[in-house]
Amino acid sequence: MVRDLFRARQIDPRLASQSWIADVLLQHLPEAGYPPVASGLLDADTAWTQVLKPLGFPNGRPDAVALLQWSLCQQHLQRYEAWPEESR
């Protein structure tokens, strides 16, 4: 299902062991849908970017500074706390 949402032919093998990521992507599907992956491969960075976007992160690779800034916003923390435990 996730492969179809991104119009991908393949999914990064690193995502296979993280089945909860598929659940998050399905639960937080943007109204306009996910942008199609140009290469035909749904890579881990793209998936993580889309997983973290609803929490207020701009990309899937936040550094320590971005995490610290993110943690200072009460709304971000409330969104995080509302997520299922497995996703957190």
PDB file of N, CA and C in Angstrom:
ATOM      1  N   MET A   1       0.809  -1.194   0.000  1.00  0.00           N
ATOM      2  CA  MET A   1       0.000   0.000   0.000  1.00  0.00           C
ATOM      3  C   MET A   1       0.856   1.263   0.000  1.00  0.00           C
ATOM      4  N   VAL A   2       1.881   1.274   0.850  1.00  0.00           N
ATOM      5  CA  VAL A   2       2.763   2.437   0.936  1.00  0.00           C
ATOM      6  C   VAL A   2       3.484   2.645  -0.387  1.00  0.00           C
ATOM      7  N   ARG A   3       3.904   1.573  -1.008  1.00  0.00           N
ATOM      8  CA  ARG A   3       4.576   1.685  -2.302  1.00  0.00           C
ATOM      9  C   ARG A   3       3.678   2.410  -3.297  1.00  0.00           C
ATOM     10  N   ASP A   4       2.393   2.089  -3.307  1.00  0.00           N
ATOM     11  CA  ASP A   4       1.456   2.746  -4.211  1.00  0.00           C
ATOM     12  C   ASP A   4       1.275   4.223  -3.866  1.00  0.00           C
ATOM     13  N   LEU A   5       1.250   4.551  -2.587  1.00  0.00           N
ATOM     14  CA  LEU A   5       1.059   5.941  -2.170  1.00  0.00           C
ATOM     15  C   LEU A   5       2.178   6.849  -2.661  1.00  0.00           C
ATOM     16  N   PHE A   6       3.385   6.298  -2.788  1.00  0.00           N
ATOM     17  CA  PHE A   6       4.533   7.074  -3.260  1.00  0.00           C
ATOM     18  C   PHE A   6       4.841   6.806  -4.733  1.00  0.00           C
ATOM     19  N   ARG A   7       4.013   5.981  -5.355  1.00  0.00           N
ATOM     20  CA  ARG A   7       4.216   5.566  -6.743  1.00  0.00           C
ATOM     21  C   ARG A   7       5.626   5.004  -6.947  1.00  0.00           C
ATOM     22  N   ALA A   8       6.034   4.177  -6.003  1.00  0.00           N
ATOM     23  CA  ALA A   8       7.375   3.579  -6.024  1.00  0.00           C
ATOM     24  C   ALA A   8       7.310   2.166  -6.584  1.00  0.00           C
ATOM     25  N   ARG A   9       8.407   1.758  -7.184  1.00  0.00           N
ATOM     26  CA  ARG A   9       8.520   0.376  -7.655  1.00  0.00           C
ATOM     27  C   ARG A   9       9.166  -0.493  -6.586  1.00  0.00           C
ATOM     28  N   GLN A  10      10.006   0.153  -5.744  1.00  0.00           N
ATOM     29  CA  GLN A  10      10.717  -0.576  -4.697  1.00  0.00           C
ATOM     30  C   GLN A  10      10.709   0.234  -3.413  1.00  0.00           C
ATOM     31  N   ILE A  11      10.923  -0.473  -2.301  1.00  0.00           N
ATOM     32  CA  ILE A  11      11.033   0.161  -0.995  1.00  0.00           C
ATOM     33  C   ILE A  11      12.393  -0.189  -0.412  1.00  0.00           C
ATOM     34  N   ASP A  12      13.049   0.792   0.129  1.00  0.00           N
ATOM     35  CA  ASP A  12      14.362   0.632   0.757  1.00  0.00           C
ATOM     36  C   ASP A  12      14.311  -0.530   1.746  1.00  0.00           C
ATOM     37  N   PRO A  13      15.202  -1.502   1.627  1.00  0.00           N
ATOM     38  CA  PRO A  13      15.202  -2.659   2.532  1.00  0.00           C
ATOM     39  C   PRO A  13      15.350  -2.278   4.009  1.00  0.00           C
ATOM     40  N   ARG A  14      15.948  -1.112   4.298  1.00  0.00           N
ATOM     41  CA  ARG A  14      16.094  -0.670   5.690  1.00  0.00           C
ATOM     42  C   ARG A  14      14.744  -0.420   6.342  1.00  0.00           C
ATOM     43  N   LEU A  15      13.707  -0.220   5.548  1.00  0.00           N
ATOM     44  CA  LEU A  15      12.380   0.044   6.093  1.00  0.00           C
ATOM     45  C   LEU A  15      11.610  -1.230   6.432  1.00  0.00           C
ATOM     46  N   ALA A  16      12.031  -2.350   5.900  1.00  0.00           N
ATOM     47  CA  ALA A  16      11.302  -3.610   6.076  1.00  0.00           C
ATOM     48  C   ALA A  16      11.182  -4.003   7.553  1.00  0.00           C
ATOM     49  N   SER A  17      12.208  -3.755   8.342  1.00  0.00           N
ATOM     50  CA  SER A  17      12.168  -4.138   9.748  1.00  0.00           C
ATOM     51  C   SER A  17      11.421  -3.117  10.610  1.00  0.00           C
ATOM     52  N   GLN A  18      10.988  -2.034  10.008  1.00  0.00           N
ATOM     53  CA  GLN A  18      10.287  -0.965  10.725  1.00  0.00           C
ATOM     54  C   GLN A  18       8.829  -0.891  10.259  1.00  0.00           C
ATOM     55  N   SER A  19       8.069  -1.948  10.492  1.00  0.00           N
ATOM     56  CA  SER A  19       6.695  -2.003   9.978  1.00  0.00           C
ATOM     57  C   SER A  19       5.816  -0.880  10.516  1.00  0.00           C
ATOM     58  N   TRP A  20       6.138  -0.342  11.681  1.00  0.00           N
ATOM     59  CA  TRP A  20       5.348   0.738  12.255  1.00  0.00           C
ATOM     60  C   TRP A  20       5.407   1.993  11.383  1.00  0.00           C
ATOM     61  N   ILE A  21       6.490   2.143  10.597  1.00  0.00           N
ATOM     62  CA  ILE A  21       6.601   3.315   9.718  1.00  0.00           C
ATOM     63  C   ILE A  21       5.462   3.310   8.701  1.00  0.00           C
ATOM     64  N   ALA A  22       5.137   2.155   8.163  1.00  0.00           N
ATOM     65  CA  ALA A  22       4.027   2.063   7.209  1.00  0.00           C
ATOM     66  C   ALA A  22       2.726   2.498   7.873  1.00  0.00           C
ATOM     67  N   ASP A  23       2.517   2.082   9.116  1.00  0.00           N
ATOM     68  CA  ASP A  23       1.305   2.482   9.834  1.00  0.00           C
ATOM     69  C   ASP A  23       1.233   3.994  10.000  1.00  0.00           C
ATOM     70  N   VAL A  24       2.348   4.610  10.375  1.00  0.00           N
ATOM     71  CA  VAL A  24       2.377   6.071  10.550  1.00  0.00           C
ATOM     72  C   VAL A  24       2.107   6.769   9.228  1.00  0.00           C
ATOM     73  N   LEU A  25       2.733   6.296   8.162  1.00  0.00           N
ATOM     74  CA  LEU A  25       2.522   6.918   6.852  1.00  0.00           C
ATOM     75  C   LEU A  25       1.063   6.822   6.419  1.00  0.00           C
ATOM     76  N   LEU A  26       0.422   5.721   6.724  1.00  0.00           N
ATOM     77  CA  LEU A  26      -0.988   5.558   6.377  1.00  0.00           C
ATOM     78  C   LEU A  26      -1.883   6.422   7.266  1.00  0.00           C
ATOM     79  N   GLN A  27      -1.547   6.540   8.532  1.00  0.00           N
ATOM     80  CA  GLN A  27      -2.362   7.326   9.467  1.00  0.00           C
ATOM     81  C   GLN A  27      -2.249   8.827   9.227  1.00  0.00           C
ATOM     82  N   HIS A  28      -1.121   9.272   8.717  1.00  0.00           N
ATOM     83  CA  HIS A  28      -0.877  10.710   8.545  1.00  0.00           C
ATOM     84  C   HIS A  28      -0.774  11.091   7.073  1.00  0.00           C
ATOM     85  N   LEU A  29      -1.539  10.437   6.258  1.00  0.00           N
ATOM     86  CA  LEU A  29      -1.547  10.694   4.821  1.00  0.00           C
ATOM     87  C   LEU A  29      -1.993  12.137   4.552  1.00  0.00           C
ATOM     88  N   PRO A  30      -1.157  12.930   3.883  1.00  0.00           N
ATOM     89  CA  PRO A  30      -1.550  14.309   3.576  1.00  0.00           C
ATOM     90  C   PRO A  30      -2.767  14.341   2.648  1.00  0.00           C
ATOM     91  N   GLU A  31      -3.520  15.404   2.744  1.00  0.00           N
ATOM     92  CA  GLU A  31      -4.732  15.538   1.929  1.00  0.00           C
ATOM     93  C   GLU A  31      -4.434  15.389   0.436  1.00  0.00           C
ATOM     94  N   ALA A  32      -3.329  15.952  -0.013  1.00  0.00           N
ATOM     95  CA  ALA A  32      -2.955  15.872  -1.427  1.00  0.00           C
ATOM     96  C   ALA A  32      -2.162  14.612  -1.748  1.00  0.00           C
ATOM     97  N   GLY A  33      -1.945  13.771  -0.752  1.00  0.00           N
ATOM     98  CA  GLY A  33      -1.161  12.560  -0.953  1.00  0.00           C
ATOM     99  C   GLY A  33       0.322  12.840  -0.824  1.00  0.00           C
ATOM    100  N   TYR A  34       1.118  11.797  -0.878  1.00  0.00           N
ATOM    101  CA  TYR A  34       2.569  11.945  -0.810  1.00  0.00           C
ATOM    102  C   TYR A  34       3.109  12.252  -2.200  1.00  0.00           C
ATOM    103  N   PRO A  35       4.179  13.033  -2.263  1.00  0.00           N
ATOM    104  CA  PRO A  35       4.772  13.281  -3.575  1.00  0.00           C
ATOM    105  C   PRO A  35       5.390  11.997  -4.118  1.00  0.00           C
ATOM    106  N   PRO A  36       5.231  11.732  -5.392  1.00  0.00           N
ATOM    107  CA  PRO A  36       5.821  10.509  -5.954  1.00  0.00           C
ATOM    108  C   PRO A  36       7.351  10.576  -5.887  1.00  0.00           C
ATOM    109  N   VAL A  37       7.961   9.419  -5.664  1.00  0.00           N
ATOM    110  CA  VAL A  37       9.425   9.374  -5.645  1.00  0.00           C
ATOM    111  C   VAL A  37       9.933   9.308  -7.076  1.00  0.00           C
ATOM    112  N   ALA A  38      10.831  10.207  -7.411  1.00  0.00           N
ATOM    113  CA  ALA A  38      11.312  10.327  -8.790  1.00  0.00           C
ATOM    114  C   ALA A  38      12.096   9.109  -9.247  1.00  0.00           C
ATOM    115  N   SER A  39      12.843   8.513  -8.356  1.00  0.00           N
ATOM    116  CA  SER A  39      13.709   7.390  -8.732  1.00  0.00           C
ATOM    117  C   SER A  39      12.975   6.058  -8.795  1.00  0.00           C
ATOM    118  N   GLY A  40      11.744   6.018  -8.290  1.00  0.00           N
ATOM    119  CA  GLY A  40      11.019   4.756  -8.223  1.00  0.00           C
ATOM    120  C   GLY A  40      11.323   3.970  -6.960  1.00  0.00           C
ATOM    121  N   LEU A  41      12.228   4.497  -6.127  1.00  0.00           N
ATOM    122  CA  LEU A  41      12.606   3.844  -4.874  1.00  0.00           C
ATOM    123  C   LEU A  41      12.179   4.723  -3.716  1.00  0.00           C
ATOM    124  N   LEU A  42      11.370   4.177  -2.832  1.00  0.00           N
ATOM    125  CA  LEU A  42      11.028   4.874  -1.599  1.00  0.00           C
ATOM    126  C   LEU A  42      12.171   4.605  -0.632  1.00  0.00           C
ATOM    127  N   ASP A  43      13.078   5.576  -0.509  1.00  0.00           N
ATOM    128  CA  ASP A  43      14.247   5.394   0.344  1.00  0.00           C
ATOM    129  C   ASP A  43      13.921   5.773   1.783  1.00  0.00           C
ATOM    130  N   ALA A  44      14.794   5.385   2.684  1.00  0.00           N
ATOM    131  CA  ALA A  44      14.567   5.617   4.112  1.00  0.00           C
ATOM    132  C   ALA A  44      14.478   7.103   4.444  1.00  0.00           C
ATOM    133  N   ASP A  45      15.310   7.935   3.808  1.00  0.00           N
ATOM    134  CA  ASP A  45      15.273   9.378   4.093  1.00  0.00           C
ATOM    135  C   ASP A  45      13.927   9.990   3.732  1.00  0.00           C
ATOM    136  N   THR A  46      13.381   9.603   2.604  1.00  0.00           N
ATOM    137  CA  THR A  46      12.074  10.117   2.187  1.00  0.00           C
ATOM    138  C   THR A  46      10.995   9.664   3.156  1.00  0.00           C
ATOM    139  N   ALA A  47      11.025   8.395   3.516  1.00  0.00           N
ATOM    140  CA  ALA A  47      10.023   7.875   4.453  1.00  0.00           C
ATOM    141  C   ALA A  47      10.122   8.580   5.796  1.00  0.00           C
ATOM    142  N   TRP A  48      11.343   8.722   6.324  1.00  0.00           N
ATOM    143  CA  TRP A  48      11.517   9.390   7.615  1.00  0.00           C
ATOM    144  C   TRP A  48      11.078  10.853   7.558  1.00  0.00           C
ATOM    145  N   THR A  49      11.343  11.524   6.454  1.00  0.00           N
ATOM    146  CA  THR A  49      10.896  12.914   6.319  1.00  0.00           C
ATOM    147  C   THR A  49       9.379  12.992   6.435  1.00  0.00           C
ATOM    148  N   GLN A  50       8.681  12.085   5.773  1.00  0.00           N
ATOM    149  CA  GLN A  50       7.219  12.097   5.817  1.00  0.00           C
ATOM    150  C   GLN A  50       6.682  11.648   7.171  1.00  0.00           C
ATOM    151  N   VAL A  51       7.398  10.771   7.860  1.00  0.00           N
ATOM    152  CA  VAL A  51       6.980  10.329   9.194  1.00  0.00           C
ATOM    153  C   VAL A  51       7.121  11.482  10.190  1.00  0.00           C
ATOM    154  N   LEU A  52       8.216  12.220  10.104  1.00  0.00           N
ATOM    155  CA  LEU A  52       8.496  13.273  11.088  1.00  0.00           C
ATOM    156  C   LEU A  52       7.803  14.596  10.781  1.00  0.00           C
ATOM    157  N   LYS A  53       7.353  14.777   9.555  1.00  0.00           N
ATOM    158  CA  LYS A  53       6.705  16.045   9.178  1.00  0.00           C
ATOM    159  C   LYS A  53       5.497  16.383  10.057  1.00  0.00           C
ATOM    160  N   PRO A  54       4.588  15.440  10.356  1.00  0.00           N
ATOM    161  CA  PRO A  54       3.444  15.781  11.214  1.00  0.00           C
ATOM    162  C   PRO A  54       3.840  16.186  12.640  1.00  0.00           C
ATOM    163  N   LEU A  55       5.054  15.822  13.039  1.00  0.00           N
ATOM    164  CA  LEU A  55       5.530  16.197  14.369  1.00  0.00           C
ATOM    165  C   LEU A  55       6.181  17.582  14.377  1.00  0.00           C
ATOM    166  N   GLY A  56       6.382  18.158  13.191  1.00  0.00           N
ATOM    167  CA  GLY A  56       6.954  19.501  13.108  1.00  0.00           C
ATOM    168  C   GLY A  56       8.408  19.549  12.671  1.00  0.00           C
ATOM    169  N   PHE A  57       8.944  18.435  12.203  1.00  0.00           N
ATOM    170  CA  PHE A  57      10.322  18.423  11.701  1.00  0.00           C
ATOM    171  C   PHE A  57      10.326  18.706  10.203  1.00  0.00           C
ATOM    172  N   PRO A  58      11.287  19.494   9.714  1.00  0.00           N
ATOM    173  CA  PRO A  58      11.330  19.799   8.286  1.00  0.00           C
ATOM    174  C   PRO A  58      11.894  18.671   7.428  1.00  0.00           C
ATOM    175  N   ASN A  59      12.678  17.764   8.038  1.00  0.00           N
ATOM    176  CA  ASN A  59      13.239  16.656   7.262  1.00  0.00           C
ATOM    177  C   ASN A  59      13.415  15.432   8.151  1.00  0.00           C
ATOM    178  N   GLY A  60      13.863  14.354   7.543  1.00  0.00           N
ATOM    179  CA  GLY A  60      13.981  13.091   8.256  1.00  0.00           C
ATOM    180  C   GLY A  60      15.299  12.871   8.953  1.00  0.00           C
ATOM    181  N   ARG A  61      16.145  13.889   8.980  1.00  0.00           N
ATOM    182  CA  ARG A  61      17.448  13.762   9.630  1.00  0.00           C
ATOM    183  C   ARG A  61      17.718  14.950  10.549  1.00  0.00           C
ATOM    184  N   PRO A  62      16.913  15.104  11.596  1.00  0.00           N
ATOM    185  CA  PRO A  62      17.159  16.234  12.487  1.00  0.00           C
ATOM    186  C   PRO A  62      18.477  16.047  13.258  1.00  0.00           C
ATOM    187  N   ASP A  63      19.227  17.125  13.362  1.00  0.00           N
ATOM    188  CA  ASP A  63      20.452  17.065  14.155  1.00  0.00           C
ATOM    189  C   ASP A  63      20.134  17.476  15.593  1.00  0.00           C
ATOM    190  N   ALA A  64      21.154  17.528  16.435  1.00  0.00           N
ATOM    191  CA  ALA A  64      20.947  17.831  17.852  1.00  0.00           C
ATOM    192  C   ALA A  64      20.329  19.212  18.048  1.00  0.00           C
ATOM    193  N   VAL A  65      20.753  20.186  17.253  1.00  0.00           N
ATOM    194  CA  VAL A  65      20.211  21.545  17.375  1.00  0.00           C
ATOM    195  C   VAL A  65      18.732  21.548  16.996  1.00  0.00           C
ATOM    196  N   ALA A  66      18.383  20.873  15.911  1.00  0.00           N
ATOM    197  CA  ALA A  66      16.982  20.818  15.475  1.00  0.00           C
ATOM    198  C   ALA A  66      16.115  20.118  16.521  1.00  0.00           C
ATOM    199  N   LEU A  67      16.631  19.042  17.109  1.00  0.00           N
ATOM    200  CA  LEU A  67      15.885  18.333  18.155  1.00  0.00           C
ATOM    201  C   LEU A  67      15.663  19.219  19.381  1.00  0.00           C
ATOM    202  N   LEU A  68      16.692  19.946  19.753  1.00  0.00           N
ATOM    203  CA  LEU A  68      16.567  20.836  20.906  1.00  0.00           C
ATOM    204  C   LEU A  68      15.551  21.939  20.632  1.00  0.00           C
ATOM    205  N   GLN A  69      15.647  22.568  19.477  1.00  0.00           N
ATOM    206  CA  GLN A  69      14.680  23.615  19.122  1.00  0.00           C
ATOM    207  C   GLN A  69      13.270  23.053  19.059  1.00  0.00           C
ATOM    208  N   TRP A  70      13.121  21.883  18.475  1.00  0.00           N
ATOM    209  CA  TRP A  70      11.814  21.232  18.366  1.00  0.00           C
ATOM    210  C   TRP A  70      11.231  20.979  19.754  1.00  0.00           C
ATOM    211  N   SER A  71      12.076  20.533  20.677  1.00  0.00           N
ATOM    212  CA  SER A  71      11.595  20.161  22.013  1.00  0.00           C
ATOM    213  C   SER A  71      11.139  21.361  22.840  1.00  0.00           C
ATOM    214  N   LEU A  72      11.473  22.557  22.415  1.00  0.00           N
ATOM    215  CA  LEU A  72      11.071  23.762  23.149  1.00  0.00           C
ATOM    216  C   LEU A  72       9.644  24.193  22.828  1.00  0.00           C
ATOM    217  N   CYS A  73       9.028  23.563  21.840  1.00  0.00           N
ATOM    218  CA  CYS A  73       7.657  23.911  21.446  1.00  0.00           C
ATOM    219  C   CYS A  73       6.675  22.929  22.086  1.00  0.00           C
ATOM    220  N   GLN A  74       5.789  23.446  22.910  1.00  0.00           N
ATOM    221  CA  GLN A  74       4.822  22.600  23.609  1.00  0.00           C
ATOM    222  C   GLN A  74       3.917  21.843  22.636  1.00  0.00           C
ATOM    223  N   GLN A  75       3.535  22.466  21.527  1.00  0.00           N
ATOM    224  CA  GLN A  75       2.679  21.795  20.535  1.00  0.00           C
ATOM    225  C   GLN A  75       3.365  20.560  19.963  1.00  0.00           C
ATOM    226  N   HIS A  76       4.657  20.674  19.678  1.00  0.00           N
ATOM    227  CA  HIS A  76       5.394  19.526  19.147  1.00  0.00           C
ATOM    228  C   HIS A  76       5.381  18.374  20.145  1.00  0.00           C
ATOM    229  N   LEU A  77       5.617  18.698  21.399  1.00  0.00           N
ATOM    230  CA  LEU A  77       5.642  17.657  22.423  1.00  0.00           C
ATOM    231  C   LEU A  77       4.270  17.013  22.605  1.00  0.00           C
ATOM    232  N   GLN A  78       3.221  17.809  22.525  1.00  0.00           N
ATOM    233  CA  GLN A  78       1.863  17.261  22.644  1.00  0.00           C
ATOM    234  C   GLN A  78       1.552  16.329  21.481  1.00  0.00           C
ATOM    235  N   ARG A  79       1.965  16.712  20.266  1.00  0.00           N
ATOM    236  CA  ARG A  79       1.755  15.829  19.107  1.00  0.00           C
ATOM    237  C   ARG A  79       2.498  14.507  19.303  1.00  0.00           C
ATOM    238  N   TYR A  80       3.723  14.617  19.777  1.00  0.00           N
ATOM    239  CA  TYR A  80       4.532  13.422  20.012  1.00  0.00           C
ATOM    240  C   TYR A  80       3.872  12.504  21.052  1.00  0.00           C
ATOM    241  N   GLU A  81       3.412  13.084  22.132  1.00  0.00           N
ATOM    242  CA  GLU A  81       2.782  12.292  23.200  1.00  0.00           C
ATOM    243  C   GLU A  81       1.490  11.638  22.739  1.00  0.00           C
ATOM    244  N   ALA A  82       0.834  12.203  21.738  1.00  0.00           N
ATOM    245  CA  ALA A  82      -0.419  11.645  21.233  1.00  0.00           C
ATOM    246  C   ALA A  82      -0.185  10.445  20.308  1.00  0.00           C
ATOM    247  N   TRP A  83       1.015  10.263  19.849  1.00  0.00           N
ATOM    248  CA  TRP A  83       1.313   9.149  18.947  1.00  0.00           C
ATOM    249  C   TRP A  83       1.291   7.834  19.722  1.00  0.00           C
ATOM    250  N   PRO A  84       0.978   6.729  19.036  1.00  0.00           N
ATOM    251  CA  PRO A  84       1.027   5.418  19.694  1.00  0.00           C
ATOM    252  C   PRO A  84       2.424   5.135  20.229  1.00  0.00           C
ATOM    253  N   GLU A  85       2.494   4.393  21.307  1.00  0.00           N
ATOM    254  CA  GLU A  85       3.777   4.113  21.965  1.00  0.00           C
ATOM    255  C   GLU A  85       4.795   3.494  21.013  1.00  0.00           C
ATOM    256  N   GLU A  86       4.374   2.575  20.158  1.00  0.00           N
ATOM    257  CA  GLU A  86       5.299   1.922  19.231  1.00  0.00           C
ATOM    258  C   GLU A  86       5.944   2.923  18.291  1.00  0.00           C
ATOM    259  N   SER A  87       5.206   3.948  17.889  1.00  0.00           N
ATOM    260  CA  SER A  87       5.749   4.958  16.991  1.00  0.00           C
ATOM    261  C   SER A  87       6.711   5.893  17.701  1.00  0.00           C
ATOM    262  N   ARG A  88       6.439   6.140  18.971  1.00  0.00           N
ATOM    263  CA  ARG A  88       7.340   7.023  19.727  1.00  0.00           C
ATOM    264  C   ARG A  88       8.669   6.351  19.931  1.00  0.00           C
TER     265      ARG A  88
END
